[in-house]
Amino acid sequence: MKRRTLLQSLPAAALLPAAAWASSELEKPGPGPTSTVYELRVYHTYDGKLDDLLRRFREHTMQLFEKHGIKNIAYWTPTDEPLKSKTLIYIIAHPSREAAAANWQAFRDDPEWQSVRDKSEANGKLVEKIDSTYLVLTDFSPPLR
């Protein structure tokens, strides 16, 4: 039997479960222009500058991220040396990779951010190196809250 003949012989109601399944598959996380993208960032500070960086994030940066569409997910500091005294690790989220680029540009261009950065670095730069990795959830990942 030809596929077309088979499909024409099936009642439309029989296809509803398949349509519902296909629709739910489109909403699952994964790569694509409308998928949430997570960004893992690791900041390596200069010696003695981690507390200044943490203060800047606590008092300013997190709020500025939200202002520019960057969602704060979680922040960590390592428990063991040598990273303990000079590393901040965090994850943020953007609606897409394209949004991430726009969000970061708006953040960098914000005069409030520039002022905060300049004041916090009056005695020298805080961050020596930044590692950034963009991520998408796997299909088997528990949902983030």
C-alpha atoms as a PDB file:
ATOM      1  CA  MET A   1       0.000   0.000   0.000  1.00  0.00           C
ATOM      2  CA  LYS A   2       1.288   3.433  -0.879  1.00  0.00           C
ATOM      3  CA  ARG A   3       1.992   5.862   1.954  1.00  0.00           C
ATOM      4  CA  ARG A   4      -0.482   8.383   0.582  1.00  0.00           C
ATOM      5  CA  THR A   5      -3.276   5.798   0.443  1.00  0.00           C
ATOM      6  CA  LEU A   6      -2.470   4.673   3.979  1.00  0.00           C
ATOM      7  CA  LEU A   7      -2.523   8.227   5.345  1.00  0.00           C
ATOM      8  CA  GLN A   8      -5.794   9.004   3.590  1.00  0.00           C
ATOM      9  CA  SER A   9      -7.390   5.945   5.109  1.00  0.00           C
ATOM     10  CA  LEU A  10      -6.504   6.878   8.688  1.00  0.00           C
ATOM     11  CA  PRO A  11      -9.005   8.960  10.605  1.00  0.00           C
ATOM     12  CA  ALA A  12      -7.599  12.389  11.546  1.00  0.00           C
ATOM     13  CA  ALA A  13      -8.138  11.645  15.247  1.00  0.00           C
ATOM     14  CA  ALA A  14      -5.621   8.814  15.040  1.00  0.00           C
ATOM     15  CA  LEU A  15      -2.910  11.361  14.209  1.00  0.00           C
ATOM     16  CA  LEU A  16      -3.551  13.586  17.225  1.00  0.00           C
ATOM     17  CA  PRO A  17      -1.204  11.732  19.599  1.00  0.00           C
ATOM     18  CA  ALA A  18       1.598  11.967  17.039  1.00  0.00           C
ATOM     19  CA  ALA A  19       0.922  15.672  16.520  1.00  0.00           C
ATOM     20  CA  ALA A  20       1.032  16.269  20.269  1.00  0.00           C
ATOM     21  CA  TRP A  21       4.314  14.356  20.505  1.00  0.00           C
ATOM     22  CA  ALA A  22       5.862  16.340  17.647  1.00  0.00           C
ATOM     23  CA  SER A  23       4.770  19.609  19.227  1.00  0.00           C
ATOM     24  CA  SER A  24       6.344  18.675  22.567  1.00  0.00           C
ATOM     25  CA  GLU A  25       9.573  17.711  20.806  1.00  0.00           C
ATOM     26  CA  LEU A  26       9.840  21.223  19.407  1.00  0.00           C
ATOM     27  CA  GLU A  27       9.672  22.698  22.911  1.00  0.00           C
ATOM     28  CA  LYS A  28      12.515  20.563  24.299  1.00  0.00           C
ATOM     29  CA  PRO A  29      15.837  22.254  24.965  1.00  0.00           C
ATOM     30  CA  GLY A  30      18.541  21.854  22.401  1.00  0.00           C
ATOM     31  CA  PRO A  31      20.500  23.739  19.815  1.00  0.00           C
ATOM     32  CA  GLY A  32      18.641  26.239  17.729  1.00  0.00           C
ATOM     33  CA  PRO A  33      17.998  29.936  17.390  1.00  0.00           C
ATOM     34  CA  THR A  34      15.227  30.081  20.009  1.00  0.00           C
ATOM     35  CA  SER A  35      16.748  27.728  22.601  1.00  0.00           C
ATOM     36  CA  THR A  36      17.969  29.080  25.905  1.00  0.00           C
ATOM     37  CA  VAL A  37      21.730  29.141  25.924  1.00  0.00           C
ATOM     38  CA  TYR A  38      23.693  28.932  29.155  1.00  0.00           C
ATOM     39  CA  GLU A  39      27.087  30.490  29.575  1.00  0.00           C
ATOM     40  CA  LEU A  40      29.667  29.040  31.930  1.00  0.00           C
ATOM     41  CA  ARG A  41      32.171  31.715  32.892  1.00  0.00           C
ATOM     42  CA  VAL A  42      35.339  31.322  34.939  1.00  0.00           C
ATOM     43  CA  TYR A  43      37.103  34.447  36.167  1.00  0.00           C
ATOM     44  CA  HIS A  44      40.740  34.105  37.211  1.00  0.00           C
ATOM     45  CA  THR A  45      41.653  37.095  39.374  1.00  0.00           C
ATOM     46  CA  TYR A  46      44.965  38.687  40.144  1.00  0.00           C
ATOM     47  CA  ASP A  47      46.377  37.818  43.562  1.00  0.00           C
ATOM     48  CA  GLY A  48      44.401  39.438  46.368  1.00  0.00           C
ATOM     49  CA  LYS A  49      41.602  40.686  44.080  1.00  0.00           C
ATOM     50  CA  LEU A  50      38.906  37.996  44.480  1.00  0.00           C
ATOM     51  CA  ASP A  51      37.127  39.763  47.354  1.00  0.00           C
ATOM     52  CA  ASP A  52      36.962  42.969  45.303  1.00  0.00           C
ATOM     53  CA  LEU A  53      35.508  41.039  42.354  1.00  0.00           C
ATOM     54  CA  LEU A  54      32.936  39.299  44.554  1.00  0.00           C
ATOM     55  CA  ARG A  55      31.904  42.656  46.027  1.00  0.00           C
ATOM     56  CA  ARG A  56      31.488  44.118  42.529  1.00  0.00           C
ATOM     57  CA  PHE A  57      29.268  41.196  41.483  1.00  0.00           C
ATOM     58  CA  ARG A  58      27.257  41.281  44.724  1.00  0.00           C
ATOM     59  CA  GLU A  59      26.672  45.029  44.696  1.00  0.00           C
ATOM     60  CA  HIS A  60      26.488  45.863  40.977  1.00  0.00           C
ATOM     61  CA  THR A  61      27.211  43.316  38.258  1.00  0.00           C
ATOM     62  CA  MET A  62      24.349  40.904  38.916  1.00  0.00           C
ATOM     63  CA  GLN A  63      21.801  43.714  38.790  1.00  0.00           C
ATOM     64  CA  LEU A  64      23.345  45.106  35.609  1.00  0.00           C
ATOM     65  CA  PHE A  65      23.221  41.655  34.025  1.00  0.00           C
ATOM     66  CA  GLU A  66      19.473  41.450  34.668  1.00  0.00           C
ATOM     67  CA  LYS A  67      19.013  44.983  33.288  1.00  0.00           C
ATOM     68  CA  HIS A  68      20.534  43.779  30.016  1.00  0.00           C
ATOM     69  CA  GLY A  69      18.623  40.491  29.679  1.00  0.00           C
ATOM     70  CA  ILE A  70      21.300  38.264  31.217  1.00  0.00           C
ATOM     71  CA  LYS A  71      19.707  35.861  33.698  1.00  0.00           C
ATOM     72  CA  ASN A  72      21.763  34.976  36.782  1.00  0.00           C
ATOM     73  CA  ILE A  73      21.672  31.210  37.404  1.00  0.00           C
ATOM     74  CA  ALA A  74      24.356  30.428  40.030  1.00  0.00           C
ATOM     75  CA  TYR A  75      27.747  31.570  41.337  1.00  0.00           C
ATOM     76  CA  TRP A  76      30.511  29.525  42.989  1.00  0.00           C
ATOM     77  CA  THR A  77      33.976  29.849  44.426  1.00  0.00           C
ATOM     78  CA  PRO A  78      36.201  26.745  44.648  1.00  0.00           C
ATOM     79  CA  THR A  79      36.879  25.196  48.050  1.00  0.00           C
ATOM     80  CA  ASP A  80      40.481  24.114  47.447  1.00  0.00           C
ATOM     81  CA  GLU A  81      43.683  25.978  46.618  1.00  0.00           C
ATOM     82  CA  PRO A  82      45.134  27.061  44.304  1.00  0.00           C
ATOM     83  CA  LEU A  83      41.774  28.163  42.835  1.00  0.00           C
ATOM     84  CA  LYS A  84      40.071  29.007  46.148  1.00  0.00           C
ATOM     85  CA  SER A  85      41.574  32.452  46.563  1.00  0.00           C
ATOM     86  CA  LYS A  86      41.465  33.599  42.951  1.00  0.00           C
ATOM     87  CA  THR A  87      38.547  32.075  41.027  1.00  0.00           C
ATOM     88  CA  LEU A  88      34.868  32.905  40.485  1.00  0.00           C
ATOM     89  CA  ILE A  89      32.748  30.442  38.497  1.00  0.00           C
ATOM     90  CA  TYR A  90      29.225  31.234  37.395  1.00  0.00           C
ATOM     91  CA  ILE A  91      26.455  30.350  34.968  1.00  0.00           C
ATOM     92  CA  ILE A  92      24.155  32.848  33.299  1.00  0.00           C
ATOM     93  CA  ALA A  93      21.453  32.359  30.667  1.00  0.00           C
ATOM     94  CA  HIS A  94      20.411  34.092  27.465  1.00  0.00           C
ATOM     95  CA  PRO A  95      17.379  33.421  25.230  1.00  0.00           C
ATOM     96  CA  SER A  96      19.727  32.520  22.327  1.00  0.00           C
ATOM     97  CA  ARG A  97      23.310  32.912  21.091  1.00  0.00           C
ATOM     98  CA  GLU A  98      22.223  35.972  19.126  1.00  0.00           C
ATOM     99  CA  ALA A  99      20.670  37.457  22.263  1.00  0.00           C
ATOM    100  CA  ALA A 100      23.858  36.690  24.193  1.00  0.00           C
ATOM    101  CA  ALA A 101      25.926  38.774  21.781  1.00  0.00           C
ATOM    102  CA  ALA A 102      23.437  41.661  21.971  1.00  0.00           C
ATOM    103  CA  ASN A 103      23.163  41.399  25.778  1.00  0.00           C
ATOM    104  CA  TRP A 104      26.929  41.500  26.241  1.00  0.00           C
ATOM    105  CA  GLN A 105      27.292  44.474  23.890  1.00  0.00           C
ATOM    106  CA  ALA A 106      24.577  46.419  25.725  1.00  0.00           C
ATOM    107  CA  PHE A 107      26.216  45.549  29.058  1.00  0.00           C
ATOM    108  CA  ARG A 108      29.679  46.670  27.895  1.00  0.00           C
ATOM    109  CA  ASP A 109      28.238  49.923  26.486  1.00  0.00           C
ATOM    110  CA  ASP A 110      26.302  50.782  29.665  1.00  0.00           C
ATOM    111  CA  PRO A 111      27.793  53.921  31.288  1.00  0.00           C
ATOM    112  CA  GLU A 112      26.765  52.615  34.730  1.00  0.00           C
ATOM    113  CA  TRP A 113      28.816  49.424  34.166  1.00  0.00           C
ATOM    114  CA  GLN A 114      31.781  51.433  32.892  1.00  0.00           C
ATOM    115  CA  SER A 115      31.689  53.614  35.993  1.00  0.00           C
ATOM    116  CA  VAL A 116      31.405  50.624  38.357  1.00  0.00           C
ATOM    117  CA  ARG A 117      34.247  48.836  36.581  1.00  0.00           C
ATOM    118  CA  ASP A 118      36.511  51.882  36.622  1.00  0.00           C
ATOM    119  CA  LYS A 119      35.884  52.592  40.323  1.00  0.00           C
ATOM    120  CA  SER A 120      36.450  48.955  41.315  1.00  0.00           C
ATOM    121  CA  GLU A 121      39.720  48.904  39.352  1.00  0.00           C
ATOM    122  CA  ALA A 122      41.104  52.161  40.759  1.00  0.00           C
ATOM    123  CA  ASN A 123      43.898  50.150  42.433  1.00  0.00           C
ATOM    124  CA  GLY A 124      44.481  47.838  39.484  1.00  0.00           C
ATOM    125  CA  LYS A 125      42.595  45.378  37.320  1.00  0.00           C
ATOM    126  CA  LEU A 126      40.744  42.592  39.135  1.00  0.00           C
ATOM    127  CA  VAL A 127      40.503  39.904  36.459  1.00  0.00           C
ATOM    128  CA  GLU A 128      43.522  38.385  34.747  1.00  0.00           C
ATOM    129  CA  LYS A 129      41.655  35.953  32.477  1.00  0.00           C
ATOM    130  CA  ILE A 130      38.057  34.984  31.600  1.00  0.00           C
ATOM    131  CA  ASP A 131      37.024  31.612  30.184  1.00  0.00           C
ATOM    132  CA  SER A 132      33.585  31.465  28.556  1.00  0.00           C
ATOM    133  CA  THR A 133      31.730  28.411  27.253  1.00  0.00           C
ATOM    134  CA  TYR A 134      28.221  28.427  25.779  1.00  0.00           C
ATOM    135  CA  LEU A 135      26.052  25.408  26.632  1.00  0.00           C
ATOM    136  CA  VAL A 136      22.608  23.976  25.891  1.00  0.00           C
ATOM    137  CA  LEU A 137      20.781  21.488  28.086  1.00  0.00           C
ATOM    138  CA  THR A 138      20.763  17.896  26.946  1.00  0.00           C
ATOM    139  CA  ASP A 139      17.447  16.135  26.356  1.00  0.00           C
ATOM    140  CA  PHE A 140      18.005  14.083  29.548  1.00  0.00           C
ATOM    141  CA  SER A 141      18.933  16.989  31.836  1.00  0.00           C
ATOM    142  CA  PRO A 142      16.654  17.707  34.779  1.00  0.00           C
ATOM    143  CA  PRO A 143      14.982  21.078  34.198  1.00  0.00           C
ATOM    144  CA  LEU A 144      16.594  24.100  35.807  1.00  0.00           C
ATOM    145  CA  ARG A 145      14.464  26.030  38.256  1.00  0.00           C
END
